[in-house]
Amino acid sequence: MECATLKDFGSMSTKEILEANAKGQTMTISMDKQYRTRCGFEVRIYAVDSGGLYPIHGAYLFDGVWVACTWEKEGGCLGSSPLDLIEVKPRIQREYWVNVFKNHLEGWKEKETADRRRHNRIACVKITVDCEEGEGEEL
């Protein structure tokens, strides 16, 4: 099973995880959020309150087959593993029309609106935004 690195798939860097753990903060697994494994497999969560060392019950999709798995309350699988849970943030997908001027840009949801604001524009470009919620907001 080939897995990507935390850098490729993690919503938090290793440094951020270590800092959060040092401060006593932990990720809380919730039934109303989406997850994948650290190595990118799709995950279904069935229960988050099963008790014991591995109270999170669910499965991950491997080669078209759902494989049953349990996780620690913070989402770890056997300590640190490619099967650790990583929260999947909602994706933002939108299209805009951008008027390009000599010294600035203006973005509009409809081309008709961009065309009404065309005075002195150099170009009108359609762009598609496709990113995870919060992307680029790191301080």
C-alpha atoms as a PDB file:
ATOM      1  CA  MET A   1       0.000   0.000   0.000  1.00  0.00           C
ATOM      2  CA  GLU A   2       1.743   3.177  -1.236  1.00  0.00           C
ATOM      3  CA  CYS A   3       0.847   6.307   0.677  1.00  0.00           C
ATOM      4  CA  ALA A   4       1.624   9.949   0.152  1.00  0.00           C
ATOM      5  CA  THR A   5       3.343  12.012   2.798  1.00  0.00           C
ATOM      6  CA  LEU A   6       1.655  14.133   5.458  1.00  0.00           C
ATOM      7  CA  LYS A   7       2.751  17.158   3.417  1.00  0.00           C
ATOM      8  CA  ASP A   8       0.638  15.928   0.501  1.00  0.00           C
ATOM      9  CA  PHE A   9      -2.553  15.147   2.427  1.00  0.00           C
ATOM     10  CA  GLY A  10      -2.522  16.519   5.973  1.00  0.00           C
ATOM     11  CA  SER A  11      -4.671  19.520   6.856  1.00  0.00           C
ATOM     12  CA  MET A  12      -2.087  20.285   9.556  1.00  0.00           C
ATOM     13  CA  SER A  13       1.686  20.228   9.267  1.00  0.00           C
ATOM     14  CA  THR A  14       3.699  17.908  11.478  1.00  0.00           C
ATOM     15  CA  LYS A  15       4.929  20.986  13.361  1.00  0.00           C
ATOM     16  CA  GLU A  16       1.328  22.170  13.939  1.00  0.00           C
ATOM     17  CA  ILE A  17       0.293  18.720  15.212  1.00  0.00           C
ATOM     18  CA  LEU A  18       3.263  18.567  17.599  1.00  0.00           C
ATOM     19  CA  GLU A  19       2.584  22.127  18.848  1.00  0.00           C
ATOM     20  CA  ALA A  20      -1.111  21.346  19.381  1.00  0.00           C
ATOM     21  CA  ASN A  21      -0.252  18.146  21.276  1.00  0.00           C
ATOM     22  CA  ALA A  22       2.271  20.036  23.427  1.00  0.00           C
ATOM     23  CA  LYS A  23      -0.491  22.511  24.368  1.00  0.00           C
ATOM     24  CA  GLY A  24      -2.828  19.638  25.197  1.00  0.00           C
ATOM     25  CA  GLN A  25      -5.033  20.282  22.151  1.00  0.00           C
ATOM     26  CA  THR A  26      -6.247  17.287  20.204  1.00  0.00           C
ATOM     27  CA  MET A  27      -8.416  16.771  17.159  1.00  0.00           C
ATOM     28  CA  THR A  28     -11.922  15.611  18.040  1.00  0.00           C
ATOM     29  CA  ILE A  29     -13.396  13.109  15.603  1.00  0.00           C
ATOM     30  CA  SER A  30     -17.018  13.915  14.834  1.00  0.00           C
ATOM     31  CA  MET A  31     -19.783  12.138  12.948  1.00  0.00           C
ATOM     32  CA  ASP A  32     -20.669  15.384  11.123  1.00  0.00           C
ATOM     33  CA  LYS A  33     -17.242  15.853   9.485  1.00  0.00           C
ATOM     34  CA  GLN A  34     -15.551  14.084   6.599  1.00  0.00           C
ATOM     35  CA  TYR A  35     -12.214  12.276   6.929  1.00  0.00           C
ATOM     36  CA  ARG A  36      -9.641  10.434   4.849  1.00  0.00           C
ATOM     37  CA  THR A  37      -6.619   8.477   5.962  1.00  0.00           C
ATOM     38  CA  ARG A  38      -3.250  10.197   6.077  1.00  0.00           C
ATOM     39  CA  CYS A  39      -2.394   8.330   2.871  1.00  0.00           C
ATOM     40  CA  GLY A  40      -5.562   9.484   1.100  1.00  0.00           C
ATOM     41  CA  PHE A  41      -8.088   6.650   1.399  1.00  0.00           C
ATOM     42  CA  GLU A  42     -11.760   7.642   1.674  1.00  0.00           C
ATOM     43  CA  VAL A  43     -13.194   6.974   5.160  1.00  0.00           C
ATOM     44  CA  ARG A  44     -16.638   6.210   6.602  1.00  0.00           C
ATOM     45  CA  ILE A  45     -17.122   6.751  10.341  1.00  0.00           C
ATOM     46  CA  TYR A  46     -19.782   4.540  11.995  1.00  0.00           C
ATOM     47  CA  ALA A  47     -19.304   5.429  15.680  1.00  0.00           C
ATOM     48  CA  VAL A  48     -17.214   7.845  17.750  1.00  0.00           C
ATOM     49  CA  ASP A  49     -18.247   6.721  21.250  1.00  0.00           C
ATOM     50  CA  SER A  50     -17.486   3.012  21.386  1.00  0.00           C
ATOM     51  CA  GLY A  51     -15.198   3.283  24.426  1.00  0.00           C
ATOM     52  CA  GLY A  52     -11.911   1.524  25.067  1.00  0.00           C
ATOM     53  CA  LEU A  53      -8.579   2.383  23.472  1.00  0.00           C
ATOM     54  CA  TYR A  54     -10.102   2.576  19.977  1.00  0.00           C
ATOM     55  CA  PRO A  55     -13.544   4.235  20.317  1.00  0.00           C
ATOM     56  CA  ILE A  56     -13.751   5.365  16.678  1.00  0.00           C
ATOM     57  CA  HIS A  57     -15.195   2.663  14.411  1.00  0.00           C
ATOM     58  CA  GLY A  58     -15.402   2.880  10.655  1.00  0.00           C
ATOM     59  CA  ALA A  59     -13.854   1.728   7.404  1.00  0.00           C
ATOM     60  CA  TYR A  60     -11.527   2.971   4.673  1.00  0.00           C
ATOM     61  CA  LEU A  61     -11.838   2.297   0.948  1.00  0.00           C
ATOM     62  CA  PHE A  62      -8.922   0.253  -0.380  1.00  0.00           C
ATOM     63  CA  ASP A  63      -8.926  -1.073  -3.952  1.00  0.00           C
ATOM     64  CA  GLY A  64     -12.726  -0.796  -4.183  1.00  0.00           C
ATOM     65  CA  VAL A  65     -13.322  -2.665  -0.906  1.00  0.00           C
ATOM     66  CA  TRP A  66     -14.355  -1.142   2.446  1.00  0.00           C
ATOM     67  CA  VAL A  67     -11.944  -2.361   5.127  1.00  0.00           C
ATOM     68  CA  ALA A  68     -13.124  -2.195   8.770  1.00  0.00           C
ATOM     69  CA  CYS A  69     -10.861  -0.230  11.089  1.00  0.00           C
ATOM     70  CA  THR A  70     -10.812   1.325  14.551  1.00  0.00           C
ATOM     71  CA  TRP A  71      -9.019   4.483  15.650  1.00  0.00           C
ATOM     72  CA  GLU A  72      -7.974   6.179  18.879  1.00  0.00           C
ATOM     73  CA  LYS A  73     -10.184   9.069  20.047  1.00  0.00           C
ATOM     74  CA  GLU A  74      -7.903  11.625  18.316  1.00  0.00           C
ATOM     75  CA  GLY A  75      -7.951   9.648  15.050  1.00  0.00           C
ATOM     76  CA  GLY A  76      -4.675   7.768  15.391  1.00  0.00           C
ATOM     77  CA  CYS A  77      -4.355   4.206  14.167  1.00  0.00           C
ATOM     78  CA  LEU A  78      -1.705   2.224  16.066  1.00  0.00           C
ATOM     79  CA  GLY A  79       0.112   5.373  17.191  1.00  0.00           C
ATOM     80  CA  SER A  80       1.248   7.162  14.025  1.00  0.00           C
ATOM     81  CA  SER A  81       0.309   5.437  10.801  1.00  0.00           C
ATOM     82  CA  PRO A  82      -0.684   6.055   7.171  1.00  0.00           C
ATOM     83  CA  LEU A  83      -4.198   5.077   8.326  1.00  0.00           C
ATOM     84  CA  ASP A  84      -4.493   7.998  10.801  1.00  0.00           C
ATOM     85  CA  LEU A  85      -7.585  10.129  10.222  1.00  0.00           C
ATOM     86  CA  ILE A  86      -7.214  13.546   8.584  1.00  0.00           C
ATOM     87  CA  GLU A  87     -10.188  15.917   8.362  1.00  0.00           C
ATOM     88  CA  VAL A  88     -11.323  16.734   4.835  1.00  0.00           C
ATOM     89  CA  LYS A  89     -12.320  20.371   4.646  1.00  0.00           C
ATOM     90  CA  PRO A  90     -15.142  21.367   2.292  1.00  0.00           C
ATOM     91  CA  ARG A  91     -14.064  22.430  -1.192  1.00  0.00           C
ATOM     92  CA  ILE A  92     -14.940  25.802  -2.633  1.00  0.00           C
ATOM     93  CA  GLN A  93     -15.649  25.698  -6.363  1.00  0.00           C
ATOM     94  CA  ARG A  94     -16.742  28.862  -8.134  1.00  0.00           C
ATOM     95  CA  GLU A  95     -16.332  30.610 -11.476  1.00  0.00           C
ATOM     96  CA  TYR A  96     -15.693  34.323 -11.908  1.00  0.00           C
ATOM     97  CA  TRP A  97     -15.142  36.766 -14.733  1.00  0.00           C
ATOM     98  CA  VAL A  98     -12.167  39.011 -14.064  1.00  0.00           C
ATOM     99  CA  ASN A  99     -11.737  42.370 -15.745  1.00  0.00           C
ATOM    100  CA  VAL A 100      -8.036  43.094 -16.183  1.00  0.00           C
ATOM    101  CA  PHE A 101      -7.055  46.756 -16.078  1.00  0.00           C
ATOM    102  CA  LYS A 102      -3.611  48.377 -16.271  1.00  0.00           C
ATOM    103  CA  ASN A 103      -3.179  48.565 -12.477  1.00  0.00           C
ATOM    104  CA  HIS A 104      -5.871  46.365 -10.939  1.00  0.00           C
ATOM    105  CA  LEU A 105      -8.363  43.507 -11.326  1.00  0.00           C
ATOM    106  CA  GLU A 106     -12.119  43.296 -10.719  1.00  0.00           C
ATOM    107  CA  GLY A 107     -13.977  39.990 -10.267  1.00  0.00           C
ATOM    108  CA  TRP A 108     -17.650  39.362 -11.082  1.00  0.00           C
ATOM    109  CA  LYS A 109     -19.935  36.331 -10.874  1.00  0.00           C
ATOM    110  CA  GLU A 110     -21.572  37.001 -14.259  1.00  0.00           C
ATOM    111  CA  LYS A 111     -19.902  37.969 -17.545  1.00  0.00           C
ATOM    112  CA  GLU A 112     -22.712  40.421 -18.236  1.00  0.00           C
ATOM    113  CA  THR A 113     -21.798  42.372 -15.093  1.00  0.00           C
ATOM    114  CA  ALA A 114     -18.105  42.319 -16.054  1.00  0.00           C
ATOM    115  CA  ASP A 115     -19.045  43.604 -19.517  1.00  0.00           C
ATOM    116  CA  ARG A 116     -21.020  46.502 -18.021  1.00  0.00           C
ATOM    117  CA  ARG A 117     -17.836  47.464 -16.099  1.00  0.00           C
ATOM    118  CA  ARG A 118     -15.567  47.210 -19.153  1.00  0.00           C
ATOM    119  CA  HIS A 119     -14.401  50.846 -19.494  1.00  0.00           C
ATOM    120  CA  ASN A 120     -10.598  50.821 -20.041  1.00  0.00           C
ATOM    121  CA  ARG A 121     -10.228  47.089 -19.424  1.00  0.00           C
ATOM    122  CA  ILE A 122      -7.438  45.226 -21.179  1.00  0.00           C
ATOM    123  CA  ALA A 123      -9.064  41.775 -21.033  1.00  0.00           C
ATOM    124  CA  CYS A 124     -11.890  39.796 -19.467  1.00  0.00           C
ATOM    125  CA  VAL A 125     -10.781  36.381 -18.217  1.00  0.00           C
ATOM    126  CA  LYS A 126     -12.921  33.509 -16.886  1.00  0.00           C
ATOM    127  CA  ILE A 127     -11.302  31.892 -13.838  1.00  0.00           C
ATOM    128  CA  THR A 128     -12.283  28.870 -11.784  1.00  0.00           C
ATOM    129  CA  VAL A 129     -11.568  28.796  -8.051  1.00  0.00           C
ATOM    130  CA  ASP A 130     -11.153  25.274  -6.673  1.00  0.00           C
ATOM    131  CA  CYS A 131      -9.650  25.086  -3.174  1.00  0.00           C
ATOM    132  CA  GLU A 132     -10.203  23.764   0.342  1.00  0.00           C
ATOM    133  CA  GLU A 133     -12.020  25.990   2.801  1.00  0.00           C
ATOM    134  CA  GLY A 134      -9.455  28.111   4.661  1.00  0.00           C
ATOM    135  CA  GLU A 135      -6.712  27.696   2.048  1.00  0.00           C
ATOM    136  CA  GLY A 136      -4.294  30.637   2.095  1.00  0.00           C
ATOM    137  CA  GLU A 137      -5.561  31.797   5.507  1.00  0.00           C
ATOM    138  CA  GLU A 138      -2.542  30.524   7.466  1.00  0.00           C
ATOM    139  CA  LEU A 139      -1.004  33.235   9.623  1.00  0.00           C
END
